[in-house]
Amino acid sequence: MGKEIDRIKIVLEEKHRTSKRLADSIDKDPTTVSKWRNNSSRP
């Protein structure tokens, strides 16, 4: 299997948003969103 595309990271960069801002808007811990962004965990 090839490298997974990190869509969350791409969208955040396109929209000029931070992981913290996303975490606040969906009421999740910023560490959790960071793990999603870095593909070390999946939602």
C-alpha atoms as a PDB file:
ATOM      1  CA  MET A   1       0.000   0.000   0.000  1.00  0.00           C
ATOM      2  CA  GLY A   2       1.307   3.474  -0.886  1.00  0.00           C
ATOM      3  CA  LYS A   3       1.512   6.506   1.322  1.00  0.00           C
ATOM      4  CA  GLU A   4      -1.879   7.727   2.494  1.00  0.00           C
ATOM      5  CA  ILE A   5      -2.912  11.177   1.337  1.00  0.00           C
ATOM      6  CA  ASP A   6      -3.205  13.518   4.296  1.00  0.00           C
ATOM      7  CA  ARG A   7      -6.359  15.333   3.235  1.00  0.00           C
ATOM      8  CA  ILE A   8      -6.837  17.167   6.539  1.00  0.00           C
ATOM      9  CA  LYS A   9      -3.372  18.701   6.270  1.00  0.00           C
ATOM     10  CA  ILE A  10      -3.942  19.716   2.646  1.00  0.00           C
ATOM     11  CA  VAL A  11      -7.303  21.364   3.358  1.00  0.00           C
ATOM     12  CA  LEU A  12      -5.997  23.225   6.405  1.00  0.00           C
ATOM     13  CA  GLU A  13      -3.131  24.610   4.316  1.00  0.00           C
ATOM     14  CA  GLU A  14      -5.431  25.568   1.425  1.00  0.00           C
ATOM     15  CA  LYS A  15      -7.805  27.382   3.787  1.00  0.00           C
ATOM     16  CA  HIS A  16      -4.970  28.929   5.843  1.00  0.00           C
ATOM     17  CA  ARG A  17      -6.355  27.355   9.011  1.00  0.00           C
ATOM     18  CA  THR A  18      -4.582  25.874  12.007  1.00  0.00           C
ATOM     19  CA  SER A  19      -5.124  22.531  13.675  1.00  0.00           C
ATOM     20  CA  LYS A  20      -6.085  24.389  16.852  1.00  0.00           C
ATOM     21  CA  ARG A  21      -8.783  26.340  15.053  1.00  0.00           C
ATOM     22  CA  LEU A  22     -10.228  23.131  13.621  1.00  0.00           C
ATOM     23  CA  ALA A  23     -10.062  21.476  17.050  1.00  0.00           C
ATOM     24  CA  ASP A  24     -11.925  24.386  18.639  1.00  0.00           C
ATOM     25  CA  SER A  25     -14.610  24.372  15.947  1.00  0.00           C
ATOM     26  CA  ILE A  26     -15.347  20.638  16.331  1.00  0.00           C
ATOM     27  CA  ASP A  27     -14.826  20.547  20.112  1.00  0.00           C
ATOM     28  CA  LYS A  28     -11.876  18.142  20.001  1.00  0.00           C
ATOM     29  CA  ASP A  29      -8.520  18.254  21.751  1.00  0.00           C
ATOM     30  CA  PRO A  30      -5.827  19.962  19.641  1.00  0.00           C
ATOM     31  CA  THR A  31      -3.530  16.970  20.194  1.00  0.00           C
ATOM     32  CA  THR A  32      -6.124  14.675  18.609  1.00  0.00           C
ATOM     33  CA  VAL A  33      -6.435  16.892  15.546  1.00  0.00           C
ATOM     34  CA  SER A  34      -2.652  17.105  15.285  1.00  0.00           C
ATOM     35  CA  LYS A  35      -2.478  13.301  15.211  1.00  0.00           C
ATOM     36  CA  TRP A  36      -5.077  13.243  12.446  1.00  0.00           C
ATOM     37  CA  ARG A  37      -3.147  15.864  10.515  1.00  0.00           C
ATOM     38  CA  ASN A  38       0.114  13.939  10.797  1.00  0.00           C
ATOM     39  CA  ASN A  39      -1.494  10.559   9.986  1.00  0.00           C
ATOM     40  CA  SER A  40      -0.472   9.040  13.309  1.00  0.00           C
ATOM     41  CA  SER A  41      -4.166   8.477  14.082  1.00  0.00           C
ATOM     42  CA  ARG A  42      -7.369   8.545  12.046  1.00  0.00           C
ATOM     43  CA  PRO A  43     -10.750  10.058  12.902  1.00  0.00           C
END
